Amino acid sequence: MSIKLNKKERVEVMALFGYEMTPCQPLTFKRRGESEVEVTEVMRTHIKFIGAATYHIFDILVGSTRYYLEFNSTDLSWYLRALN
């Protein structure tokens, strides 16, 4: 599967929250008008604070392709971004 992105794109994400030692783990995501895509592996995560917002950023694999999934914990939105 190949996803071409030039900027962040809002997506729907199925995630597991509060599981053992992992506070959040994205399982699948879906772009508008497309079918659901399974996250093969979460490579690493980090948190970024911008003003009052907290962003949880997941470096993920979909097959052998890497992407970022970004979760805004203030408005509960998810964005997908290609890893350049």
PDB file of N, CA and C in Angstrom:
ATOM      1  N   MET A   1       0.831  -1.180   0.000  1.00  0.00           N
ATOM      2  CA  MET A   1       0.000   0.000   0.000  1.00  0.00           C
ATOM      3  C   MET A   1       0.872   1.239   0.000  1.00  0.00           C
ATOM      4  N   SER A   2       0.523   2.205  -0.799  1.00  0.00           N
ATOM      5  CA  SER A   2       1.289   3.443  -0.866  1.00  0.00           C
ATOM      6  C   SER A   2       0.356   4.620  -0.619  1.00  0.00           C
ATOM      7  N   ILE A   3       0.682   5.425   0.373  1.00  0.00           N
ATOM      8  CA  ILE A   3      -0.106   6.609   0.683  1.00  0.00           C
ATOM      9  C   ILE A   3       0.749   7.813   0.364  1.00  0.00           C
ATOM     10  N   LYS A   4       0.260   8.688  -0.504  1.00  0.00           N
ATOM     11  CA  LYS A   4       1.012   9.884  -0.844  1.00  0.00           C
ATOM     12  C   LYS A   4       0.413  11.062  -0.093  1.00  0.00           C
ATOM     13  N   LEU A   5       1.226  11.708   0.725  1.00  0.00           N
ATOM     14  CA  LEU A   5       0.784  12.852   1.510  1.00  0.00           C
ATOM     15  C   LEU A   5       1.777  13.984   1.345  1.00  0.00           C
ATOM     16  N   ASN A   6       1.290  15.200   1.184  1.00  0.00           N
ATOM     17  CA  ASN A   6       2.155  16.366   1.143  1.00  0.00           C
ATOM     18  C   ASN A   6       2.112  17.127   2.459  1.00  0.00           C
ATOM     19  N   LYS A   7       1.062  16.917   3.237  1.00  0.00           N
ATOM     20  CA  LYS A   7       0.904  17.595   4.514  1.00  0.00           C
ATOM     21  C   LYS A   7       0.112  16.685   5.433  1.00  0.00           C
ATOM     22  N   LYS A   8      -0.189  17.178   6.622  1.00  0.00           N
ATOM     23  CA  LYS A   8      -1.002  16.397   7.538  1.00  0.00           C
ATOM     24  C   LYS A   8      -2.412  16.244   6.993  1.00  0.00           C
ATOM     25  N   GLU A   9      -2.968  15.054   7.193  1.00  0.00           N
ATOM     26  CA  GLU A   9      -4.319  14.775   6.737  1.00  0.00           C
ATOM     27  C   GLU A   9      -5.105  14.165   7.896  1.00  0.00           C
ATOM     28  N   ARG A  10      -6.277  14.698   8.152  1.00  0.00           N
ATOM     29  CA  ARG A  10      -7.097  14.180   9.248  1.00  0.00           C
ATOM     30  C   ARG A  10      -7.582  12.771   8.901  1.00  0.00           C
ATOM     31  N   VAL A  11      -7.494  11.868   9.879  1.00  0.00           N
ATOM     32  CA  VAL A  11      -7.910  10.481   9.691  1.00  0.00           C
ATOM     33  C   VAL A  11      -8.714  10.021  10.903  1.00  0.00           C
ATOM     34  N   GLU A  12      -9.453   8.933  10.718  1.00  0.00           N
ATOM     35  CA  GLU A  12     -10.137   8.260  11.817  1.00  0.00           C
ATOM     36  C   GLU A  12      -9.210   7.144  12.289  1.00  0.00           C
ATOM     37  N   VAL A  13      -9.073   7.001  13.609  1.00  0.00           N
ATOM     38  CA  VAL A  13      -8.155   6.006  14.157  1.00  0.00           C
ATOM     39  C   VAL A  13      -8.881   5.141  15.174  1.00  0.00           C
ATOM     40  N   MET A  14      -8.621   3.837  15.100  1.00  0.00           N
ATOM     41  CA  MET A  14      -9.052   2.898  16.134  1.00  0.00           C
ATOM     42  C   MET A  14      -7.827   2.687  17.010  1.00  0.00           C
ATOM     43  N   ALA A  15      -7.939   3.045  18.281  1.00  0.00           N
ATOM     44  CA  ALA A  15      -6.790   2.942  19.189  1.00  0.00           C
ATOM     45  C   ALA A  15      -7.210   2.269  20.482  1.00  0.00           C
ATOM     46  N   LEU A  16      -6.228   1.661  21.116  1.00  0.00           N
ATOM     47  CA  LEU A  16      -6.422   1.015  22.398  1.00  0.00           C
ATOM     48  C   LEU A  16      -5.842   1.939  23.459  1.00  0.00           C
ATOM     49  N   PHE A  17      -6.668   2.402  24.391  1.00  0.00           N
ATOM     50  CA  PHE A  17      -6.227   3.326  25.435  1.00  0.00           C
ATOM     51  C   PHE A  17      -6.134   2.615  26.775  1.00  0.00           C
ATOM     52  N   GLY A  18      -5.077   2.945  27.531  1.00  0.00           N
ATOM     53  CA  GLY A  18      -4.941   2.453  28.891  1.00  0.00           C
ATOM     54  C   GLY A  18      -4.695   0.968  29.016  1.00  0.00           C
ATOM     55  N   TYR A  19      -3.950   0.390  28.093  1.00  0.00           N
ATOM     56  CA  TYR A  19      -3.664  -1.039  28.115  1.00  0.00           C
ATOM     57  C   TYR A  19      -2.305  -1.277  28.756  1.00  0.00           C
ATOM     58  N   GLU A  20      -2.295  -1.917  29.904  1.00  0.00           N
ATOM     59  CA  GLU A  20      -1.076  -2.231  30.655  1.00  0.00           C
ATOM     60  C   GLU A  20      -0.177  -1.005  30.789  1.00  0.00           C
ATOM     61  N   MET A  21       1.060  -1.079  30.328  1.00  0.00           N
ATOM     62  CA  MET A  21       2.016   0.023  30.469  1.00  0.00           C
ATOM     63  C   MET A  21       1.957   0.999  29.287  1.00  0.00           C
ATOM     64  N   THR A  22       1.121   0.717  28.293  1.00  0.00           N
ATOM     65  CA  THR A  22       0.999   1.582  27.118  1.00  0.00           C
ATOM     66  C   THR A  22      -0.267   2.421  27.244  1.00  0.00           C
ATOM     67  N   PRO A  23      -0.132   3.750  27.411  1.00  0.00           N
ATOM     68  CA  PRO A  23      -1.335   4.575  27.570  1.00  0.00           C
ATOM     69  C   PRO A  23      -2.199   4.653  26.313  1.00  0.00           C
ATOM     70  N   CYS A  24      -1.582   4.544  25.122  1.00  0.00           N
ATOM     71  CA  CYS A  24      -2.342   4.598  23.876  1.00  0.00           C
ATOM     72  C   CYS A  24      -1.568   3.864  22.785  1.00  0.00           C
ATOM     73  N   GLN A  25      -2.294   3.043  22.022  1.00  0.00           N
ATOM     74  CA  GLN A  25      -1.679   2.332  20.902  1.00  0.00           C
ATOM     75  C   GLN A  25      -2.629   2.359  19.709  1.00  0.00           C
ATOM     76  N   PRO A  26      -2.262   3.065  18.611  1.00  0.00           N
ATOM     77  CA  PRO A  26      -3.110   3.058  17.417  1.00  0.00           C
ATOM     78  C   PRO A  26      -3.075   1.686  16.760  1.00  0.00           C
ATOM     79  N   LEU A  27      -4.259   1.184  16.386  1.00  0.00           N
ATOM     80  CA  LEU A  27      -4.361  -0.136  15.767  1.00  0.00           C
ATOM     81  C   LEU A  27      -4.626  -0.057  14.270  1.00  0.00           C
ATOM     82  N   THR A  28      -5.540   0.827  13.878  1.00  0.00           N
ATOM     83  CA  THR A  28      -5.880   1.024  12.464  1.00  0.00           C
ATOM     84  C   THR A  28      -6.184   2.497  12.233  1.00  0.00           C
ATOM     85  N   PHE A  29      -6.147   2.902  10.962  1.00  0.00           N
ATOM     86  CA  PHE A  29      -6.600   4.244  10.602  1.00  0.00           C
ATOM     87  C   PHE A  29      -7.326   4.179   9.272  1.00  0.00           C
ATOM     88  N   LYS A  30      -8.135   5.214   9.026  1.00  0.00           N
ATOM     89  CA  LYS A  30      -8.931   5.265   7.803  1.00  0.00           C
ATOM     90  C   LYS A  30      -8.930   6.685   7.264  1.00  0.00           C
ATOM     91  N   ARG A  31      -8.506   6.820   6.017  1.00  0.00           N
ATOM     92  CA  ARG A  31      -8.572   8.101   5.321  1.00  0.00           C
ATOM     93  C   ARG A  31      -9.961   8.256   4.726  1.00  0.00           C
ATOM     94  N   ARG A  32     -10.371   9.496   4.499  1.00  0.00           N
ATOM     95  CA  ARG A  32     -11.699   9.778   3.937  1.00  0.00           C
ATOM     96  C   ARG A  32     -11.879   9.057   2.603  1.00  0.00           C
ATOM     97  N   GLY A  33     -12.958   8.288   2.493  1.00  0.00           N
ATOM     98  CA  GLY A  33     -13.300   7.614   1.249  1.00  0.00           C
ATOM     99  C   GLY A  33     -12.491   6.364   0.961  1.00  0.00           C
ATOM    100  N   GLU A  34     -11.667   5.918   1.893  1.00  0.00           N
ATOM    101  CA  GLU A  34     -10.839   4.725   1.666  1.00  0.00           C
ATOM    102  C   GLU A  34     -11.114   3.684   2.744  1.00  0.00           C
ATOM    103  N   SER A  35     -10.578   2.491   2.548  1.00  0.00           N
ATOM    104  CA  SER A  35     -10.788   1.426   3.528  1.00  0.00           C
ATOM    105  C   SER A  35      -9.789   1.540   4.674  1.00  0.00           C
ATOM    106  N   GLU A  36     -10.089   0.845   5.735  1.00  0.00           N
ATOM    107  CA  GLU A  36      -9.271   0.869   6.939  1.00  0.00           C
ATOM    108  C   GLU A  36      -7.911   0.209   6.693  1.00  0.00           C
ATOM    109  N   VAL A  37      -6.862   0.770   7.299  1.00  0.00           N
ATOM    110  CA  VAL A  37      -5.492   0.279   7.136  1.00  0.00           C
ATOM    111  C   VAL A  37      -4.962  -0.130   8.507  1.00  0.00           C
ATOM    112  N   GLU A  38      -4.363  -1.303   8.581  1.00  0.00           N
ATOM    113  CA  GLU A  38      -3.823  -1.794   9.847  1.00  0.00           C
ATOM    114  C   GLU A  38      -2.414  -1.262  10.089  1.00  0.00           C
ATOM    115  N   VAL A  39      -2.177  -0.790  11.308  1.00  0.00           N
ATOM    116  CA  VAL A  39      -0.835  -0.375  11.733  1.00  0.00           C
ATOM    117  C   VAL A  39      -0.060  -1.653  12.031  1.00  0.00           C
ATOM    118  N   THR A  40       1.011  -1.878  11.287  1.00  0.00           N
ATOM    119  CA  THR A  40       1.806  -3.086  11.451  1.00  0.00           C
ATOM    120  C   THR A  40       2.627  -3.050  12.733  1.00  0.00           C
ATOM    121  N   GLU A  41       3.226  -1.877  13.007  1.00  0.00           N
ATOM    122  CA  GLU A  41       4.071  -1.748  14.193  1.00  0.00           C
ATOM    123  C   GLU A  41       4.181  -0.279  14.604  1.00  0.00           C
ATOM    124  N   VAL A  42       4.205  -0.051  15.912  1.00  0.00           N
ATOM    125  CA  VAL A  42       4.497   1.276  16.448  1.00  0.00           C
ATOM    126  C   VAL A  42       5.989   1.287  16.773  1.00  0.00           C
ATOM    127  N   MET A  43       6.738   2.103  16.040  1.00  0.00           N
ATOM    128  CA  MET A  43       8.192   2.133  16.194  1.00  0.00           C
ATOM    129  C   MET A  43       8.614   2.887  17.461  1.00  0.00           C
ATOM    130  N   ARG A  44       8.053   4.085  17.640  1.00  0.00           N
ATOM    131  CA  ARG A  44       8.343   4.879  18.832  1.00  0.00           C
ATOM    132  C   ARG A  44       7.259   5.928  18.992  1.00  0.00           C
ATOM    133  N   THR A  45       7.198   6.512  20.180  1.00  0.00           N
ATOM    134  CA  THR A  45       6.236   7.571  20.454  1.00  0.00           C
ATOM    135  C   THR A  45       6.937   8.707  21.173  1.00  0.00           C
ATOM    136  N   HIS A  46       6.421   9.904  21.011  1.00  0.00           N
ATOM    137  CA  HIS A  46       6.898  11.027  21.808  1.00  0.00           C
ATOM    138  C   HIS A  46       5.769  12.044  21.948  1.00  0.00           C
ATOM    139  N   ILE A  47       5.939  12.956  22.886  1.00  0.00           N
ATOM    140  CA  ILE A  47       4.927  13.957  23.205  1.00  0.00           C
ATOM    141  C   ILE A  47       5.486  15.343  22.921  1.00  0.00           C
ATOM    142  N   LYS A  48       4.637  16.195  22.336  1.00  0.00           N
ATOM    143  CA  LYS A  48       5.025  17.572  22.046  1.00  0.00           C
ATOM    144  C   LYS A  48       3.963  18.481  22.659  1.00  0.00           C
ATOM    145  N   PHE A  49       4.407  19.515  23.381  1.00  0.00           N
ATOM    146  CA  PHE A  49       3.511  20.483  24.000  1.00  0.00           C
ATOM    147  C   PHE A  49       3.571  21.781  23.206  1.00  0.00           C
ATOM    148  N   ILE A  50       2.406  22.238  22.736  1.00  0.00           N
ATOM    149  CA  ILE A  50       2.315  23.508  22.016  1.00  0.00           C
ATOM    150  C   ILE A  50       1.165  24.289  22.648  1.00  0.00           C
ATOM    151  N   GLY A  51       1.520  25.335  23.380  1.00  0.00           N
ATOM    152  CA  GLY A  51       0.506  26.093  24.108  1.00  0.00           C
ATOM    153  C   GLY A  51      -0.186  25.189  25.108  1.00  0.00           C
ATOM    154  N   ALA A  52      -1.518  25.176  25.073  1.00  0.00           N
ATOM    155  CA  ALA A  52      -2.293  24.334  25.985  1.00  0.00           C
ATOM    156  C   ALA A  52      -2.510  22.928  25.432  1.00  0.00           C
ATOM    157  N   ALA A  53      -2.116  22.704  24.187  1.00  0.00           N
ATOM    158  CA  ALA A  53      -2.353  21.408  23.546  1.00  0.00           C
ATOM    159  C   ALA A  53      -1.194  20.445  23.775  1.00  0.00           C
ATOM    160  N   THR A  54      -1.541  19.178  23.891  1.00  0.00           N
ATOM    161  CA  THR A  54      -0.558  18.099  23.998  1.00  0.00           C
ATOM    162  C   THR A  54      -0.742  17.188  22.792  1.00  0.00           C
ATOM    163  N   TYR A  55       0.341  16.949  22.065  1.00  0.00           N
ATOM    164  CA  TYR A  55       0.317  16.091  20.887  1.00  0.00           C
ATOM    165  C   TYR A  55       1.100  14.815  21.169  1.00  0.00           C
ATOM    166  N   HIS A  56       0.454  13.683  20.944  1.00  0.00           N
ATOM    167  CA  HIS A  56       1.108  12.389  21.078  1.00  0.00           C
ATOM    168  C   HIS A  56       1.429  11.937  19.653  1.00  0.00           C
ATOM    169  N   ILE A  57       2.701  11.754  19.360  1.00  0.00           N
ATOM    170  CA  ILE A  57       3.138  11.458  18.002  1.00  0.00           C
ATOM    171  C   ILE A  57       3.666  10.028  17.948  1.00  0.00           C
ATOM    172  N   PHE A  58       3.100   9.250  17.034  1.00  0.00           N
ATOM    173  CA  PHE A  58       3.443   7.847  16.881  1.00  0.00           C
ATOM    174  C   PHE A  58       4.166   7.651  15.553  1.00  0.00           C
ATOM    175  N   ASP A  59       5.359   7.118  15.598  1.00  0.00           N
ATOM    176  CA  ASP A  59       6.117   6.740  14.409  1.00  0.00           C
ATOM    177  C   ASP A  59       5.707   5.300  14.123  1.00  0.00           C
ATOM    178  N   ILE A  60       4.979   5.086  13.006  1.00  0.00           N
ATOM    179  CA  ILE A  60       4.376   3.773  12.752  1.00  0.00           C
ATOM    180  C   ILE A  60       4.850   3.170  11.438  1.00  0.00           C
ATOM    181  N   LEU A  61       4.655   1.872  11.335  1.00  0.00           N
ATOM    182  CA  LEU A  61       4.871   1.139  10.087  1.00  0.00           C
ATOM    183  C   LEU A  61       3.531   0.627   9.586  1.00  0.00           C
ATOM    184  N   VAL A  62       3.325   0.771   8.279  1.00  0.00           N
ATOM    185  CA  VAL A  62       2.212   0.142   7.571  1.00  0.00           C
ATOM    186  C   VAL A  62       2.882  -0.698   6.498  1.00  0.00           C
ATOM    187  N   GLY A  63       2.976  -1.993   6.748  1.00  0.00           N
ATOM    188  CA  GLY A  63       3.805  -2.842   5.890  1.00  0.00           C
ATOM    189  C   GLY A  63       5.250  -2.447   6.113  1.00  0.00           C
ATOM    190  N   SER A  64       5.913  -1.963   5.078  1.00  0.00           N
ATOM    191  CA  SER A  64       7.301  -1.513   5.219  1.00  0.00           C
ATOM    192  C   SER A  64       7.430   0.008   5.072  1.00  0.00           C
ATOM    193  N   THR A  65       6.296   0.719   5.044  1.00  0.00           N
ATOM    194  CA  THR A  65       6.290   2.163   4.876  1.00  0.00           C
ATOM    195  C   THR A  65       6.055   2.852   6.221  1.00  0.00           C
ATOM    196  N   ARG A  66       6.854   3.898   6.502  1.00  0.00           N
ATOM    197  CA  ARG A  66       6.750   4.620   7.773  1.00  0.00           C
ATOM    198  C   ARG A  66       5.928   5.891   7.630  1.00  0.00           C
ATOM    199  N   TYR A  67       5.133   6.170   8.664  1.00  0.00           N
ATOM    200  CA  TYR A  67       4.299   7.357   8.748  1.00  0.00           C
ATOM    201  C   TYR A  67       4.300   7.857  10.179  1.00  0.00           C
ATOM    202  N   TYR A  68       3.801   9.079  10.355  1.00  0.00           N
ATOM    203  CA  TYR A  68       3.511   9.612  11.679  1.00  0.00           C
ATOM    204  C   TYR A  68       1.998   9.663  11.831  1.00  0.00           C
ATOM    205  N   LEU A  69       1.513   9.221  12.990  1.00  0.00           N
ATOM    206  CA  LEU A  69       0.144   9.472  13.404  1.00  0.00           C
ATOM    207  C   LEU A  69       0.239  10.424  14.581  1.00  0.00           C
ATOM    208  N   GLU A  70      -0.514  11.501  14.534  1.00  0.00           N
ATOM    209  CA  GLU A  70      -0.441  12.529  15.566  1.00  0.00           C
ATOM    210  C   GLU A  70      -1.815  12.679  16.222  1.00  0.00           C
ATOM    211  N   PHE A  71      -1.846  12.550  17.552  1.00  0.00           N
ATOM    212  CA  PHE A  71      -3.085  12.663  18.315  1.00  0.00           C
ATOM    213  C   PHE A  71      -3.066  13.937  19.137  1.00  0.00           C
ATOM    214  N   ASN A  72      -4.058  14.796  18.930  1.00  0.00           N
ATOM    215  CA  ASN A  72      -4.199  16.028  19.700  1.00  0.00           C
ATOM    216  C   ASN A  72      -5.123  15.714  20.868  1.00  0.00           C
ATOM    217  N   SER A  73      -4.571  15.670  22.085  1.00  0.00           N
ATOM    218  CA  SER A  73      -5.375  15.275  23.238  1.00  0.00           C
ATOM    219  C   SER A  73      -6.318  16.382  23.709  1.00  0.00           C
ATOM    220  N   THR A  74      -6.209  17.584  23.152  1.00  0.00           N
ATOM    221  CA  THR A  74      -7.128  18.668  23.505  1.00  0.00           C
ATOM    222  C   THR A  74      -8.454  18.526  22.764  1.00  0.00           C
ATOM    223  N   ASP A  75      -8.391  18.349  21.433  1.00  0.00           N
ATOM    224  CA  ASP A  75      -9.637  18.223  20.668  1.00  0.00           C
ATOM    225  C   ASP A  75      -9.894  16.793  20.172  1.00  0.00           C
ATOM    226  N   LEU A  76      -9.043  15.837  20.569  1.00  0.00           N
ATOM    227  CA  LEU A  76      -9.175  14.406  20.267  1.00  0.00           C
ATOM    228  C   LEU A  76      -9.130  14.094  18.770  1.00  0.00           C
ATOM    229  N   SER A  77      -8.411  14.897  18.002  1.00  0.00           N
ATOM    230  CA  SER A  77      -8.279  14.670  16.566  1.00  0.00           C
ATOM    231  C   SER A  77      -6.994  13.894  16.259  1.00  0.00           C
ATOM    232  N   TRP A  78      -7.025  13.149  15.163  1.00  0.00           N
ATOM    233  CA  TRP A  78      -5.876  12.383  14.682  1.00  0.00           C
ATOM    234  C   TRP A  78      -5.493  12.882  13.293  1.00  0.00           C
ATOM    235  N   TYR A  79      -4.181  12.948  13.038  1.00  0.00           N
ATOM    236  CA  TYR A  79      -3.656  13.335  11.723  1.00  0.00           C
ATOM    237  C   TYR A  79      -2.598  12.350  11.270  1.00  0.00           C
ATOM    238  N   LEU A  80      -2.558  12.085   9.979  1.00  0.00           N
ATOM    239  CA  LEU A  80      -1.558  11.222   9.376  1.00  0.00           C
ATOM    240  C   LEU A  80      -0.609  12.090   8.575  1.00  0.00           C
ATOM    241  N   ARG A  81       0.677  11.801   8.677  1.00  0.00           N
ATOM    242  CA  ARG A  81       1.687  12.560   7.944  1.00  0.00           C
ATOM    243  C   ARG A  81       2.739  11.595   7.422  1.00  0.00           C
ATOM    244  N   ALA A  82       3.155  11.779   6.183  1.00  0.00           N
ATOM    245  CA  ALA A  82       4.221  10.952   5.612  1.00  0.00           C
ATOM    246  C   ALA A  82       5.534  11.284   6.288  1.00  0.00           C
ATOM    247  N   LEU A  83       6.356  10.296   6.484  1.00  0.00           N
ATOM    248  CA  LEU A  83       7.667  10.491   7.091  1.00  0.00           C
ATOM    249  C   LEU A  83       8.671  10.752   5.982  1.00  0.00           C
ATOM    250  N   ASN A  84       9.228  11.957   5.951  1.00  0.00           N
ATOM    251  CA  ASN A  84      10.182  12.334   4.894  1.00  0.00           C
ATOM    252  C   ASN A  84      11.589  12.226   5.373  1.00  0.00           C
TER     253      ASN A  84
END
